[in-house]
Protein backbone atom coordinates (compact mmCIF):
# COMPACT_ATOMS: atom_id res chain seq x y z
CA MET A 1 25.94 10.36 11.66
CA VAL A 2 22.35 11.73 11.67
CA LYS A 3 22.61 11.87 7.62
CA LYS A 4 23.44 8.69 7.56
CA LEU A 5 20.69 7.15 9.61
CA ALA A 6 18.34 9.11 7.59
CA VAL A 7 19.55 7.72 4.39
CA ILE A 8 19.31 4.37 5.64
CA VAL A 9 15.74 4.79 6.90
CA VAL A 10 14.31 6.60 3.89
CA GLY A 11 15.90 4.04 1.58
CA GLY A 12 14.25 1.18 3.63
CA LEU A 13 11.15 2.83 3.43
CA VAL A 14 11.37 3.34 -0.31
CA LEU A 15 12.22 -0.09 -0.81
CA THR A 16 9.40 -1.68 0.97
CA GLY A 17 6.79 0.49 -0.89
CA CYS A 18 8.00 -1.35 -4.14
CA SER A 19 6.76 -4.82 -3.50
CA ASN A 20 3.26 -4.55 -5.15
CA LEU A 21 3.87 -2.88 -8.38
CA SER A 22 2.13 -3.52 -11.60
CA HIS A 23 3.97 -3.99 -14.51
CA ARG A 24 3.66 -0.69 -15.88
CA GLU A 25 4.91 0.60 -12.58
CA GLN A 26 7.79 -1.53 -12.50
CA ARG A 27 8.82 -0.27 -15.96
CA THR A 28 8.25 3.40 -14.72
CA LEU A 29 10.26 3.00 -11.87
CA SER A 30 13.23 0.86 -13.38
CA GLY A 31 13.18 3.75 -16.39
CA GLY A 32 13.19 6.37 -14.29
CA ALA A 33 16.33 4.82 -12.33
CA ILE A 34 18.33 3.94 -15.38
CA GLY A 35 17.58 7.39 -16.87
CA ALA A 36 18.57 9.22 -13.71
CA ALA A 37 21.85 6.86 -13.53
CA GLY A 38 22.71 7.72 -17.46
CA GLY A 39 21.71 11.23 -17.37
CA ALA A 40 23.79 12.04 -13.91
CA ALA A 41 26.70 10.42 -15.71
CA VAL A 42 26.45 12.33 -19.03
CA GLY A 43 25.93 15.47 -17.12
CA ALA A 44 29.14 14.86 -15.04
CA LEU A 45 31.16 13.96 -18.13
CA THR A 46 30.47 16.70 -20.55
CA GLY A 47 31.26 19.23 -17.67
CA GLY A 48 27.65 19.97 -16.94
CA SER A 49 25.62 19.57 -13.89
CA ALA A 50 25.30 15.88 -12.62
CA VAL A 51 22.04 17.00 -10.69
CA MET A 52 20.30 18.24 -13.87
CA GLY A 53 21.32 15.70 -15.98
CA GLY A 54 19.84 12.90 -13.33
CA VAL A 55 16.78 14.99 -13.15
CA ILE A 56 16.06 15.09 -16.75
CA GLY A 57 17.19 11.55 -17.42
CA GLY A 58 14.89 10.39 -14.83
CA ALA A 59 12.09 11.96 -16.06
CA ALA A 60 12.70 10.88 -19.54
CA GLY A 61 13.22 7.09 -18.70
CA ALA A 62 10.33 7.28 -16.34
CA ALA A 63 8.25 8.46 -19.17
CA VAL A 64 9.59 6.17 -21.63
CA GLY A 65 9.03 3.24 -19.00
CA ALA A 66 5.37 4.38 -18.58
CA LEU A 67 4.74 4.54 -22.39
CA THR A 68 6.09 1.15 -23.37
CA SER A 69 4.23 -1.89 -23.54
CA ASN A 70 5.38 -5.35 -22.38
CA ASN A 71 4.05 -6.64 -25.70
CA GLY A 72 1.66 -9.36 -24.06
CA LYS A 73 4.30 -10.87 -22.10
CA HIS A 74 3.16 -11.46 -18.52
CA ARG A 75 4.74 -13.15 -15.68
């Protein structure tokens, strides 16, 4: 019960901190999330460590998201 409450509180705090991000920060965050999910899936499916795959994929995705440009597109 305490773990569930802690996850909810931390999740809420993380989500509220994402409201005023720049375009680069948004790409970094989404790239990291997509990379972590993909890395965890690949790690689990190949018999390796899903945690290590998620860490490596998240780092790679965040780096790619931060280094890519938005090609002059602005909201």
